[in-house]
């Protein structure tokens, strides 16, 4: 969440094309 918040604040989160998740 901290990483995603920083990416969002810097306008970078919207540039992500793929999201991969495991467990938590």
PDBML (XML) file of the C-alpha atoms, coordinates in Angstrom:
<?xml version="1.0" encoding="UTF-8" ?>
<PDBx:datablock datablockName="MODEL"
   xmlns:PDBx="http://pdbml.pdb.org/schema/pdbx-v50.xsd"
   xmlns:xsi="http://www.w3.org/2001/XMLSchema-instance"
   xsi:schemaLocation="http://pdbml.pdb.org/schema/pdbx-v50.xsd pdbx-v50.xsd">
   <PDBx:atom_siteCategory>
      <PDBx:atom_site id="1">
         <PDBx:B_iso_or_equiv>0.00</PDBx:B_iso_or_equiv>
         <PDBx:Cartn_x>0.000</PDBx:Cartn_x>
         <PDBx:Cartn_y>0.000</PDBx:Cartn_y>
         <PDBx:Cartn_z>0.000</PDBx:Cartn_z>
         <PDBx:auth_asym_id>A</PDBx:auth_asym_id>
         <PDBx:auth_atom_id>CA</PDBx:auth_atom_id>
         <PDBx:auth_comp_id>UNK</PDBx:auth_comp_id>
         <PDBx:auth_seq_id>1</PDBx:auth_seq_id>
         <PDBx:group_PDB>ATOM</PDBx:group_PDB>
         <PDBx:label_alt_id xsi:nil="true" />
         <PDBx:label_asym_id>A</PDBx:label_asym_id>
         <PDBx:label_atom_id>CA</PDBx:label_atom_id>
         <PDBx:label_comp_id>UNK</PDBx:label_comp_id>
         <PDBx:label_entity_id>1</PDBx:label_entity_id>
         <PDBx:label_seq_id>1</PDBx:label_seq_id>
         <PDBx:occupancy>1.00</PDBx:occupancy>
         <PDBx:pdbx_PDB_model_num>1</PDBx:pdbx_PDB_model_num>
         <PDBx:type_symbol>C</PDBx:type_symbol>
      </PDBx:atom_site>
      <PDBx:atom_site id="2">
         <PDBx:B_iso_or_equiv>0.00</PDBx:B_iso_or_equiv>
         <PDBx:Cartn_x>2.861</PDBx:Cartn_x>
         <PDBx:Cartn_y>2.372</PDBx:Cartn_y>
         <PDBx:Cartn_z>0.772</PDBx:Cartn_z>
         <PDBx:auth_asym_id>A</PDBx:auth_asym_id>
         <PDBx:auth_atom_id>CA</PDBx:auth_atom_id>
         <PDBx:auth_comp_id>UNK</PDBx:auth_comp_id>
         <PDBx:auth_seq_id>2</PDBx:auth_seq_id>
         <PDBx:group_PDB>ATOM</PDBx:group_PDB>
         <PDBx:label_alt_id xsi:nil="true" />
         <PDBx:label_asym_id>A</PDBx:label_asym_id>
         <PDBx:label_atom_id>CA</PDBx:label_atom_id>
         <PDBx:label_comp_id>UNK</PDBx:label_comp_id>
         <PDBx:label_entity_id>1</PDBx:label_entity_id>
         <PDBx:label_seq_id>2</PDBx:label_seq_id>
         <PDBx:occupancy>1.00</PDBx:occupancy>
         <PDBx:pdbx_PDB_model_num>1</PDBx:pdbx_PDB_model_num>
         <PDBx:type_symbol>C</PDBx:type_symbol>
      </PDBx:atom_site>
      <PDBx:atom_site id="3">
         <PDBx:B_iso_or_equiv>0.00</PDBx:B_iso_or_equiv>
         <PDBx:Cartn_x>4.446</PDBx:Cartn_x>
         <PDBx:Cartn_y>1.611</PDBx:Cartn_y>
         <PDBx:Cartn_z>-2.593</PDBx:Cartn_z>
         <PDBx:auth_asym_id>A</PDBx:auth_asym_id>
         <PDBx:auth_atom_id>CA</PDBx:auth_atom_id>
         <PDBx:auth_comp_id>UNK</PDBx:auth_comp_id>
         <PDBx:auth_seq_id>3</PDBx:auth_seq_id>
         <PDBx:group_PDB>ATOM</PDBx:group_PDB>
         <PDBx:label_alt_id xsi:nil="true" />
         <PDBx:label_asym_id>A</PDBx:label_asym_id>
         <PDBx:label_atom_id>CA</PDBx:label_atom_id>
         <PDBx:label_comp_id>UNK</PDBx:label_comp_id>
         <PDBx:label_entity_id>1</PDBx:label_entity_id>
         <PDBx:label_seq_id>3</PDBx:label_seq_id>
         <PDBx:occupancy>1.00</PDBx:occupancy>
         <PDBx:pdbx_PDB_model_num>1</PDBx:pdbx_PDB_model_num>
         <PDBx:type_symbol>C</PDBx:type_symbol>
      </PDBx:atom_site>
      <PDBx:atom_site id="4">
         <PDBx:B_iso_or_equiv>0.00</PDBx:B_iso_or_equiv>
         <PDBx:Cartn_x>1.147</PDBx:Cartn_x>
         <PDBx:Cartn_y>2.059</PDBx:Cartn_y>
         <PDBx:Cartn_z>-4.443</PDBx:Cartn_z>
         <PDBx:auth_asym_id>A</PDBx:auth_asym_id>
         <PDBx:auth_atom_id>CA</PDBx:auth_atom_id>
         <PDBx:auth_comp_id>UNK</PDBx:auth_comp_id>
         <PDBx:auth_seq_id>4</PDBx:auth_seq_id>
         <PDBx:group_PDB>ATOM</PDBx:group_PDB>
         <PDBx:label_alt_id xsi:nil="true" />
         <PDBx:label_asym_id>A</PDBx:label_asym_id>
         <PDBx:label_atom_id>CA</PDBx:label_atom_id>
         <PDBx:label_comp_id>UNK</PDBx:label_comp_id>
         <PDBx:label_entity_id>1</PDBx:label_entity_id>
         <PDBx:label_seq_id>4</PDBx:label_seq_id>
         <PDBx:occupancy>1.00</PDBx:occupancy>
         <PDBx:pdbx_PDB_model_num>1</PDBx:pdbx_PDB_model_num>
         <PDBx:type_symbol>C</PDBx:type_symbol>
      </PDBx:atom_site>
      <PDBx:atom_site id="5">
         <PDBx:B_iso_or_equiv>0.00</PDBx:B_iso_or_equiv>
         <PDBx:Cartn_x>0.475</PDBx:Cartn_x>
         <PDBx:Cartn_y>5.357</PDBx:Cartn_y>
         <PDBx:Cartn_z>-2.631</PDBx:Cartn_z>
         <PDBx:auth_asym_id>A</PDBx:auth_asym_id>
         <PDBx:auth_atom_id>CA</PDBx:auth_atom_id>
         <PDBx:auth_comp_id>UNK</PDBx:auth_comp_id>
         <PDBx:auth_seq_id>5</PDBx:auth_seq_id>
         <PDBx:group_PDB>ATOM</PDBx:group_PDB>
         <PDBx:label_alt_id xsi:nil="true" />
         <PDBx:label_asym_id>A</PDBx:label_asym_id>
         <PDBx:label_atom_id>CA</PDBx:label_atom_id>
         <PDBx:label_comp_id>UNK</PDBx:label_comp_id>
         <PDBx:label_entity_id>1</PDBx:label_entity_id>
         <PDBx:label_seq_id>5</PDBx:label_seq_id>
         <PDBx:occupancy>1.00</PDBx:occupancy>
         <PDBx:pdbx_PDB_model_num>1</PDBx:pdbx_PDB_model_num>
         <PDBx:type_symbol>C</PDBx:type_symbol>
      </PDBx:atom_site>
      <PDBx:atom_site id="6">
         <PDBx:B_iso_or_equiv>0.00</PDBx:B_iso_or_equiv>
         <PDBx:Cartn_x>3.864</PDBx:Cartn_x>
         <PDBx:Cartn_y>6.752</PDBx:Cartn_y>
         <PDBx:Cartn_z>-3.667</PDBx:Cartn_z>
         <PDBx:auth_asym_id>A</PDBx:auth_asym_id>
         <PDBx:auth_atom_id>CA</PDBx:auth_atom_id>
         <PDBx:auth_comp_id>UNK</PDBx:auth_comp_id>
         <PDBx:auth_seq_id>6</PDBx:auth_seq_id>
         <PDBx:group_PDB>ATOM</PDBx:group_PDB>
         <PDBx:label_alt_id xsi:nil="true" />
         <PDBx:label_asym_id>A</PDBx:label_asym_id>
         <PDBx:label_atom_id>CA</PDBx:label_atom_id>
         <PDBx:label_comp_id>UNK</PDBx:label_comp_id>
         <PDBx:label_entity_id>1</PDBx:label_entity_id>
         <PDBx:label_seq_id>6</PDBx:label_seq_id>
         <PDBx:occupancy>1.00</PDBx:occupancy>
         <PDBx:pdbx_PDB_model_num>1</PDBx:pdbx_PDB_model_num>
         <PDBx:type_symbol>C</PDBx:type_symbol>
      </PDBx:atom_site>
      <PDBx:atom_site id="7">
         <PDBx:B_iso_or_equiv>0.00</PDBx:B_iso_or_equiv>
         <PDBx:Cartn_x>3.362</PDBx:Cartn_x>
         <PDBx:Cartn_y>5.591</PDBx:Cartn_y>
         <PDBx:Cartn_z>-7.264</PDBx:Cartn_z>
         <PDBx:auth_asym_id>A</PDBx:auth_asym_id>
         <PDBx:auth_atom_id>CA</PDBx:auth_atom_id>
         <PDBx:auth_comp_id>UNK</PDBx:auth_comp_id>
         <PDBx:auth_seq_id>7</PDBx:auth_seq_id>
         <PDBx:group_PDB>ATOM</PDBx:group_PDB>
         <PDBx:label_alt_id xsi:nil="true" />
         <PDBx:label_asym_id>A</PDBx:label_asym_id>
         <PDBx:label_atom_id>CA</PDBx:label_atom_id>
         <PDBx:label_comp_id>UNK</PDBx:label_comp_id>
         <PDBx:label_entity_id>1</PDBx:label_entity_id>
         <PDBx:label_seq_id>7</PDBx:label_seq_id>
         <PDBx:occupancy>1.00</PDBx:occupancy>
         <PDBx:pdbx_PDB_model_num>1</PDBx:pdbx_PDB_model_num>
         <PDBx:type_symbol>C</PDBx:type_symbol>
      </PDBx:atom_site>
      <PDBx:atom_site id="8">
         <PDBx:B_iso_or_equiv>0.00</PDBx:B_iso_or_equiv>
         <PDBx:Cartn_x>-0.066</PDBx:Cartn_x>
         <PDBx:Cartn_y>7.257</PDBx:Cartn_y>
         <PDBx:Cartn_z>-7.259</PDBx:Cartn_z>
         <PDBx:auth_asym_id>A</PDBx:auth_asym_id>
         <PDBx:auth_atom_id>CA</PDBx:auth_atom_id>
         <PDBx:auth_comp_id>UNK</PDBx:auth_comp_id>
         <PDBx:auth_seq_id>8</PDBx:auth_seq_id>
         <PDBx:group_PDB>ATOM</PDBx:group_PDB>
         <PDBx:label_alt_id xsi:nil="true" />
         <PDBx:label_asym_id>A</PDBx:label_asym_id>
         <PDBx:label_atom_id>CA</PDBx:label_atom_id>
         <PDBx:label_comp_id>UNK</PDBx:label_comp_id>
         <PDBx:label_entity_id>1</PDBx:label_entity_id>
         <PDBx:label_seq_id>8</PDBx:label_seq_id>
         <PDBx:occupancy>1.00</PDBx:occupancy>
         <PDBx:pdbx_PDB_model_num>1</PDBx:pdbx_PDB_model_num>
         <PDBx:type_symbol>C</PDBx:type_symbol>
      </PDBx:atom_site>
      <PDBx:atom_site id="9">
         <PDBx:B_iso_or_equiv>0.00</PDBx:B_iso_or_equiv>
         <PDBx:Cartn_x>1.205</PDBx:Cartn_x>
         <PDBx:Cartn_y>10.511</PDBx:Cartn_y>
         <PDBx:Cartn_z>-5.721</PDBx:Cartn_z>
         <PDBx:auth_asym_id>A</PDBx:auth_asym_id>
         <PDBx:auth_atom_id>CA</PDBx:auth_atom_id>
         <PDBx:auth_comp_id>UNK</PDBx:auth_comp_id>
         <PDBx:auth_seq_id>9</PDBx:auth_seq_id>
         <PDBx:group_PDB>ATOM</PDBx:group_PDB>
         <PDBx:label_alt_id xsi:nil="true" />
         <PDBx:label_asym_id>A</PDBx:label_asym_id>
         <PDBx:label_atom_id>CA</PDBx:label_atom_id>
         <PDBx:label_comp_id>UNK</PDBx:label_comp_id>
         <PDBx:label_entity_id>1</PDBx:label_entity_id>
         <PDBx:label_seq_id>9</PDBx:label_seq_id>
         <PDBx:occupancy>1.00</PDBx:occupancy>
         <PDBx:pdbx_PDB_model_num>1</PDBx:pdbx_PDB_model_num>
         <PDBx:type_symbol>C</PDBx:type_symbol>
      </PDBx:atom_site>
      <PDBx:atom_site id="10">
         <PDBx:B_iso_or_equiv>0.00</PDBx:B_iso_or_equiv>
         <PDBx:Cartn_x>3.901</PDBx:Cartn_x>
         <PDBx:Cartn_y>10.723</PDBx:Cartn_y>
         <PDBx:Cartn_z>-8.406</PDBx:Cartn_z>
         <PDBx:auth_asym_id>A</PDBx:auth_asym_id>
         <PDBx:auth_atom_id>CA</PDBx:auth_atom_id>
         <PDBx:auth_comp_id>UNK</PDBx:auth_comp_id>
         <PDBx:auth_seq_id>10</PDBx:auth_seq_id>
         <PDBx:group_PDB>ATOM</PDBx:group_PDB>
         <PDBx:label_alt_id xsi:nil="true" />
         <PDBx:label_asym_id>A</PDBx:label_asym_id>
         <PDBx:label_atom_id>CA</PDBx:label_atom_id>
         <PDBx:label_comp_id>UNK</PDBx:label_comp_id>
         <PDBx:label_entity_id>1</PDBx:label_entity_id>
         <PDBx:label_seq_id>10</PDBx:label_seq_id>
         <PDBx:occupancy>1.00</PDBx:occupancy>
         <PDBx:pdbx_PDB_model_num>1</PDBx:pdbx_PDB_model_num>
         <PDBx:type_symbol>C</PDBx:type_symbol>
      </PDBx:atom_site>
      <PDBx:atom_site id="11">
         <PDBx:B_iso_or_equiv>0.00</PDBx:B_iso_or_equiv>
         <PDBx:Cartn_x>1.434</PDBx:Cartn_x>
         <PDBx:Cartn_y>9.992</PDBx:Cartn_y>
         <PDBx:Cartn_z>-11.224</PDBx:Cartn_z>
         <PDBx:auth_asym_id>A</PDBx:auth_asym_id>
         <PDBx:auth_atom_id>CA</PDBx:auth_atom_id>
         <PDBx:auth_comp_id>UNK</PDBx:auth_comp_id>
         <PDBx:auth_seq_id>11</PDBx:auth_seq_id>
         <PDBx:group_PDB>ATOM</PDBx:group_PDB>
         <PDBx:label_alt_id xsi:nil="true" />
         <PDBx:label_asym_id>A</PDBx:label_asym_id>
         <PDBx:label_atom_id>CA</PDBx:label_atom_id>
         <PDBx:label_comp_id>UNK</PDBx:label_comp_id>
         <PDBx:label_entity_id>1</PDBx:label_entity_id>
         <PDBx:label_seq_id>11</PDBx:label_seq_id>
         <PDBx:occupancy>1.00</PDBx:occupancy>
         <PDBx:pdbx_PDB_model_num>1</PDBx:pdbx_PDB_model_num>
         <PDBx:type_symbol>C</PDBx:type_symbol>
      </PDBx:atom_site>
      <PDBx:atom_site id="12">
         <PDBx:B_iso_or_equiv>0.00</PDBx:B_iso_or_equiv>
         <PDBx:Cartn_x>3.070</PDBx:Cartn_x>
         <PDBx:Cartn_y>6.668</PDBx:Cartn_y>
         <PDBx:Cartn_z>-12.038</PDBx:Cartn_z>
         <PDBx:auth_asym_id>A</PDBx:auth_asym_id>
         <PDBx:auth_atom_id>CA</PDBx:auth_atom_id>
         <PDBx:auth_comp_id>UNK</PDBx:auth_comp_id>
         <PDBx:auth_seq_id>12</PDBx:auth_seq_id>
         <PDBx:group_PDB>ATOM</PDBx:group_PDB>
         <PDBx:label_alt_id xsi:nil="true" />
         <PDBx:label_asym_id>A</PDBx:label_asym_id>
         <PDBx:label_atom_id>CA</PDBx:label_atom_id>
         <PDBx:label_comp_id>UNK</PDBx:label_comp_id>
         <PDBx:label_entity_id>1</PDBx:label_entity_id>
         <PDBx:label_seq_id>12</PDBx:label_seq_id>
         <PDBx:occupancy>1.00</PDBx:occupancy>
         <PDBx:pdbx_PDB_model_num>1</PDBx:pdbx_PDB_model_num>
         <PDBx:type_symbol>C</PDBx:type_symbol>
      </PDBx:atom_site>
      <PDBx:atom_site id="13">
         <PDBx:B_iso_or_equiv>0.00</PDBx:B_iso_or_equiv>
         <PDBx:Cartn_x>0.406</PDBx:Cartn_x>
         <PDBx:Cartn_y>4.183</PDBx:Cartn_y>
         <PDBx:Cartn_z>-10.939</PDBx:Cartn_z>
         <PDBx:auth_asym_id>A</PDBx:auth_asym_id>
         <PDBx:auth_atom_id>CA</PDBx:auth_atom_id>
         <PDBx:auth_comp_id>UNK</PDBx:auth_comp_id>
         <PDBx:auth_seq_id>13</PDBx:auth_seq_id>
         <PDBx:group_PDB>ATOM</PDBx:group_PDB>
         <PDBx:label_alt_id xsi:nil="true" />
         <PDBx:label_asym_id>A</PDBx:label_asym_id>
         <PDBx:label_atom_id>CA</PDBx:label_atom_id>
         <PDBx:label_comp_id>UNK</PDBx:label_comp_id>
         <PDBx:label_entity_id>1</PDBx:label_entity_id>
         <PDBx:label_seq_id>13</PDBx:label_seq_id>
         <PDBx:occupancy>1.00</PDBx:occupancy>
         <PDBx:pdbx_PDB_model_num>1</PDBx:pdbx_PDB_model_num>
         <PDBx:type_symbol>C</PDBx:type_symbol>
      </PDBx:atom_site>
      <PDBx:atom_site id="14">
         <PDBx:B_iso_or_equiv>0.00</PDBx:B_iso_or_equiv>
         <PDBx:Cartn_x>-1.702</PDBx:Cartn_x>
         <PDBx:Cartn_y>4.872</PDBx:Cartn_y>
         <PDBx:Cartn_z>-14.015</PDBx:Cartn_z>
         <PDBx:auth_asym_id>A</PDBx:auth_asym_id>
         <PDBx:auth_atom_id>CA</PDBx:auth_atom_id>
         <PDBx:auth_comp_id>UNK</PDBx:auth_comp_id>
         <PDBx:auth_seq_id>14</PDBx:auth_seq_id>
         <PDBx:group_PDB>ATOM</PDBx:group_PDB>
         <PDBx:label_alt_id xsi:nil="true" />
         <PDBx:label_asym_id>A</PDBx:label_asym_id>
         <PDBx:label_atom_id>CA</PDBx:label_atom_id>
         <PDBx:label_comp_id>UNK</PDBx:label_comp_id>
         <PDBx:label_entity_id>1</PDBx:label_entity_id>
         <PDBx:label_seq_id>14</PDBx:label_seq_id>
         <PDBx:occupancy>1.00</PDBx:occupancy>
         <PDBx:pdbx_PDB_model_num>1</PDBx:pdbx_PDB_model_num>
         <PDBx:type_symbol>C</PDBx:type_symbol>
      </PDBx:atom_site>
      <PDBx:atom_site id="15">
         <PDBx:B_iso_or_equiv>0.00</PDBx:B_iso_or_equiv>
         <PDBx:Cartn_x>1.199</PDBx:Cartn_x>
         <PDBx:Cartn_y>3.750</PDBx:Cartn_y>
         <PDBx:Cartn_z>-16.207</PDBx:Cartn_z>
         <PDBx:auth_asym_id>A</PDBx:auth_asym_id>
         <PDBx:auth_atom_id>CA</PDBx:auth_atom_id>
         <PDBx:auth_comp_id>UNK</PDBx:auth_comp_id>
         <PDBx:auth_seq_id>15</PDBx:auth_seq_id>
         <PDBx:group_PDB>ATOM</PDBx:group_PDB>
         <PDBx:label_alt_id xsi:nil="true" />
         <PDBx:label_asym_id>A</PDBx:label_asym_id>
         <PDBx:label_atom_id>CA</PDBx:label_atom_id>
         <PDBx:label_comp_id>UNK</PDBx:label_comp_id>
         <PDBx:label_entity_id>1</PDBx:label_entity_id>
         <PDBx:label_seq_id>15</PDBx:label_seq_id>
         <PDBx:occupancy>1.00</PDBx:occupancy>
         <PDBx:pdbx_PDB_model_num>1</PDBx:pdbx_PDB_model_num>
         <PDBx:type_symbol>C</PDBx:type_symbol>
      </PDBx:atom_site>
      <PDBx:atom_site id="16">
         <PDBx:B_iso_or_equiv>0.00</PDBx:B_iso_or_equiv>
         <PDBx:Cartn_x>1.001</PDBx:Cartn_x>
         <PDBx:Cartn_y>0.152</PDBx:Cartn_y>
         <PDBx:Cartn_z>-14.931</PDBx:Cartn_z>
         <PDBx:auth_asym_id>A</PDBx:auth_asym_id>
         <PDBx:auth_atom_id>CA</PDBx:auth_atom_id>
         <PDBx:auth_comp_id>UNK</PDBx:auth_comp_id>
         <PDBx:auth_seq_id>16</PDBx:auth_seq_id>
         <PDBx:group_PDB>ATOM</PDBx:group_PDB>
         <PDBx:label_alt_id xsi:nil="true" />
         <PDBx:label_asym_id>A</PDBx:label_asym_id>
         <PDBx:label_atom_id>CA</PDBx:label_atom_id>
         <PDBx:label_comp_id>UNK</PDBx:label_comp_id>
         <PDBx:label_entity_id>1</PDBx:label_entity_id>
         <PDBx:label_seq_id>16</PDBx:label_seq_id>
         <PDBx:occupancy>1.00</PDBx:occupancy>
         <PDBx:pdbx_PDB_model_num>1</PDBx:pdbx_PDB_model_num>
         <PDBx:type_symbol>C</PDBx:type_symbol>
      </PDBx:atom_site>
      <PDBx:atom_site id="17">
         <PDBx:B_iso_or_equiv>0.00</PDBx:B_iso_or_equiv>
         <PDBx:Cartn_x>-0.249</PDBx:Cartn_x>
         <PDBx:Cartn_y>-2.278</PDBx:Cartn_y>
         <PDBx:Cartn_z>-17.583</PDBx:Cartn_z>
         <PDBx:auth_asym_id>A</PDBx:auth_asym_id>
         <PDBx:auth_atom_id>CA</PDBx:auth_atom_id>
         <PDBx:auth_comp_id>UNK</PDBx:auth_comp_id>
         <PDBx:auth_seq_id>17</PDBx:auth_seq_id>
         <PDBx:group_PDB>ATOM</PDBx:group_PDB>
         <PDBx:label_alt_id xsi:nil="true" />
         <PDBx:label_asym_id>A</PDBx:label_asym_id>
         <PDBx:label_atom_id>CA</PDBx:label_atom_id>
         <PDBx:label_comp_id>UNK</PDBx:label_comp_id>
         <PDBx:label_entity_id>1</PDBx:label_entity_id>
         <PDBx:label_seq_id>17</PDBx:label_seq_id>
         <PDBx:occupancy>1.00</PDBx:occupancy>
         <PDBx:pdbx_PDB_model_num>1</PDBx:pdbx_PDB_model_num>
         <PDBx:type_symbol>C</PDBx:type_symbol>
      </PDBx:atom_site>
      <PDBx:atom_site id="18">
         <PDBx:B_iso_or_equiv>0.00</PDBx:B_iso_or_equiv>
         <PDBx:Cartn_x>-0.013</PDBx:Cartn_x>
         <PDBx:Cartn_y>-5.534</PDBx:Cartn_y>
         <PDBx:Cartn_z>-15.607</PDBx:Cartn_z>
         <PDBx:auth_asym_id>A</PDBx:auth_asym_id>
         <PDBx:auth_atom_id>CA</PDBx:auth_atom_id>
         <PDBx:auth_comp_id>UNK</PDBx:auth_comp_id>
         <PDBx:auth_seq_id>18</PDBx:auth_seq_id>
         <PDBx:group_PDB>ATOM</PDBx:group_PDB>
         <PDBx:label_alt_id xsi:nil="true" />
         <PDBx:label_asym_id>A</PDBx:label_asym_id>
         <PDBx:label_atom_id>CA</PDBx:label_atom_id>
         <PDBx:label_comp_id>UNK</PDBx:label_comp_id>
         <PDBx:label_entity_id>1</PDBx:label_entity_id>
         <PDBx:label_seq_id>18</PDBx:label_seq_id>
         <PDBx:occupancy>1.00</PDBx:occupancy>
         <PDBx:pdbx_PDB_model_num>1</PDBx:pdbx_PDB_model_num>
         <PDBx:type_symbol>C</PDBx:type_symbol>
      </PDBx:atom_site>
      <PDBx:atom_site id="19">
         <PDBx:B_iso_or_equiv>0.00</PDBx:B_iso_or_equiv>
         <PDBx:Cartn_x>-0.661</PDBx:Cartn_x>
         <PDBx:Cartn_y>-6.364</PDBx:Cartn_y>
         <PDBx:Cartn_z>-11.966</PDBx:Cartn_z>
         <PDBx:auth_asym_id>A</PDBx:auth_asym_id>
         <PDBx:auth_atom_id>CA</PDBx:auth_atom_id>
         <PDBx:auth_comp_id>UNK</PDBx:auth_comp_id>
         <PDBx:auth_seq_id>19</PDBx:auth_seq_id>
         <PDBx:group_PDB>ATOM</PDBx:group_PDB>
         <PDBx:label_alt_id xsi:nil="true" />
         <PDBx:label_asym_id>A</PDBx:label_asym_id>
         <PDBx:label_atom_id>CA</PDBx:label_atom_id>
         <PDBx:label_comp_id>UNK</PDBx:label_comp_id>
         <PDBx:label_entity_id>1</PDBx:label_entity_id>
         <PDBx:label_seq_id>19</PDBx:label_seq_id>
         <PDBx:occupancy>1.00</PDBx:occupancy>
         <PDBx:pdbx_PDB_model_num>1</PDBx:pdbx_PDB_model_num>
         <PDBx:type_symbol>C</PDBx:type_symbol>
      </PDBx:atom_site>
      <PDBx:atom_site id="20">
         <PDBx:B_iso_or_equiv>0.00</PDBx:B_iso_or_equiv>
         <PDBx:Cartn_x>0.480</PDBx:Cartn_x>
         <PDBx:Cartn_y>-9.648</PDBx:Cartn_y>
         <PDBx:Cartn_z>-10.429</PDBx:Cartn_z>
         <PDBx:auth_asym_id>A</PDBx:auth_asym_id>
         <PDBx:auth_atom_id>CA</PDBx:auth_atom_id>
         <PDBx:auth_comp_id>UNK</PDBx:auth_comp_id>
         <PDBx:auth_seq_id>20</PDBx:auth_seq_id>
         <PDBx:group_PDB>ATOM</PDBx:group_PDB>
         <PDBx:label_alt_id xsi:nil="true" />
         <PDBx:label_asym_id>A</PDBx:label_asym_id>
         <PDBx:label_atom_id>CA</PDBx:label_atom_id>
         <PDBx:label_comp_id>UNK</PDBx:label_comp_id>
         <PDBx:label_entity_id>1</PDBx:label_entity_id>
         <PDBx:label_seq_id>20</PDBx:label_seq_id>
         <PDBx:occupancy>1.00</PDBx:occupancy>
         <PDBx:pdbx_PDB_model_num>1</PDBx:pdbx_PDB_model_num>
         <PDBx:type_symbol>C</PDBx:type_symbol>
      </PDBx:atom_site>
      <PDBx:atom_site id="21">
         <PDBx:B_iso_or_equiv>0.00</PDBx:B_iso_or_equiv>
         <PDBx:Cartn_x>-0.353</PDBx:Cartn_x>
         <PDBx:Cartn_y>-10.606</PDBx:Cartn_y>
         <PDBx:Cartn_z>-6.854</PDBx:Cartn_z>
         <PDBx:auth_asym_id>A</PDBx:auth_asym_id>
         <PDBx:auth_atom_id>CA</PDBx:auth_atom_id>
         <PDBx:auth_comp_id>UNK</PDBx:auth_comp_id>
         <PDBx:auth_seq_id>21</PDBx:auth_seq_id>
         <PDBx:group_PDB>ATOM</PDBx:group_PDB>
         <PDBx:label_alt_id xsi:nil="true" />
         <PDBx:label_asym_id>A</PDBx:label_asym_id>
         <PDBx:label_atom_id>CA</PDBx:label_atom_id>
         <PDBx:label_comp_id>UNK</PDBx:label_comp_id>
         <PDBx:label_entity_id>1</PDBx:label_entity_id>
         <PDBx:label_seq_id>21</PDBx:label_seq_id>
         <PDBx:occupancy>1.00</PDBx:occupancy>
         <PDBx:pdbx_PDB_model_num>1</PDBx:pdbx_PDB_model_num>
         <PDBx:type_symbol>C</PDBx:type_symbol>
      </PDBx:atom_site>
      <PDBx:atom_site id="22">
         <PDBx:B_iso_or_equiv>0.00</PDBx:B_iso_or_equiv>
         <PDBx:Cartn_x>0.271</PDBx:Cartn_x>
         <PDBx:Cartn_y>-13.473</PDBx:Cartn_y>
         <PDBx:Cartn_z>-4.466</PDBx:Cartn_z>
         <PDBx:auth_asym_id>A</PDBx:auth_asym_id>
         <PDBx:auth_atom_id>CA</PDBx:auth_atom_id>
         <PDBx:auth_comp_id>UNK</PDBx:auth_comp_id>
         <PDBx:auth_seq_id>22</PDBx:auth_seq_id>
         <PDBx:group_PDB>ATOM</PDBx:group_PDB>
         <PDBx:label_alt_id xsi:nil="true" />
         <PDBx:label_asym_id>A</PDBx:label_asym_id>
         <PDBx:label_atom_id>CA</PDBx:label_atom_id>
         <PDBx:label_comp_id>UNK</PDBx:label_comp_id>
         <PDBx:label_entity_id>1</PDBx:label_entity_id>
         <PDBx:label_seq_id>22</PDBx:label_seq_id>
         <PDBx:occupancy>1.00</PDBx:occupancy>
         <PDBx:pdbx_PDB_model_num>1</PDBx:pdbx_PDB_model_num>
         <PDBx:type_symbol>C</PDBx:type_symbol>
      </PDBx:atom_site>
      <PDBx:atom_site id="23">
         <PDBx:B_iso_or_equiv>0.00</PDBx:B_iso_or_equiv>
         <PDBx:Cartn_x>-1.342</PDBx:Cartn_x>
         <PDBx:Cartn_y>-14.112</PDBx:Cartn_y>
         <PDBx:Cartn_z>-1.092</PDBx:Cartn_z>
         <PDBx:auth_asym_id>A</PDBx:auth_asym_id>
         <PDBx:auth_atom_id>CA</PDBx:auth_atom_id>
         <PDBx:auth_comp_id>UNK</PDBx:auth_comp_id>
         <PDBx:auth_seq_id>23</PDBx:auth_seq_id>
         <PDBx:group_PDB>ATOM</PDBx:group_PDB>
         <PDBx:label_alt_id xsi:nil="true" />
         <PDBx:label_asym_id>A</PDBx:label_asym_id>
         <PDBx:label_atom_id>CA</PDBx:label_atom_id>
         <PDBx:label_comp_id>UNK</PDBx:label_comp_id>
         <PDBx:label_entity_id>1</PDBx:label_entity_id>
         <PDBx:label_seq_id>23</PDBx:label_seq_id>
         <PDBx:occupancy>1.00</PDBx:occupancy>
         <PDBx:pdbx_PDB_model_num>1</PDBx:pdbx_PDB_model_num>
         <PDBx:type_symbol>C</PDBx:type_symbol>
      </PDBx:atom_site>
      <PDBx:atom_site id="24">
         <PDBx:B_iso_or_equiv>0.00</PDBx:B_iso_or_equiv>
         <PDBx:Cartn_x>-1.292</PDBx:Cartn_x>
         <PDBx:Cartn_y>-10.910</PDBx:Cartn_y>
         <PDBx:Cartn_z>1.005</PDBx:Cartn_z>
         <PDBx:auth_asym_id>A</PDBx:auth_asym_id>
         <PDBx:auth_atom_id>CA</PDBx:auth_atom_id>
         <PDBx:auth_comp_id>UNK</PDBx:auth_comp_id>
         <PDBx:auth_seq_id>24</PDBx:auth_seq_id>
         <PDBx:group_PDB>ATOM</PDBx:group_PDB>
         <PDBx:label_alt_id xsi:nil="true" />
         <PDBx:label_asym_id>A</PDBx:label_asym_id>
         <PDBx:label_atom_id>CA</PDBx:label_atom_id>
         <PDBx:label_comp_id>UNK</PDBx:label_comp_id>
         <PDBx:label_entity_id>1</PDBx:label_entity_id>
         <PDBx:label_seq_id>24</PDBx:label_seq_id>
         <PDBx:occupancy>1.00</PDBx:occupancy>
         <PDBx:pdbx_PDB_model_num>1</PDBx:pdbx_PDB_model_num>
         <PDBx:type_symbol>C</PDBx:type_symbol>
      </PDBx:atom_site>
   </PDBx:atom_siteCategory>
</PDBx:datablock>
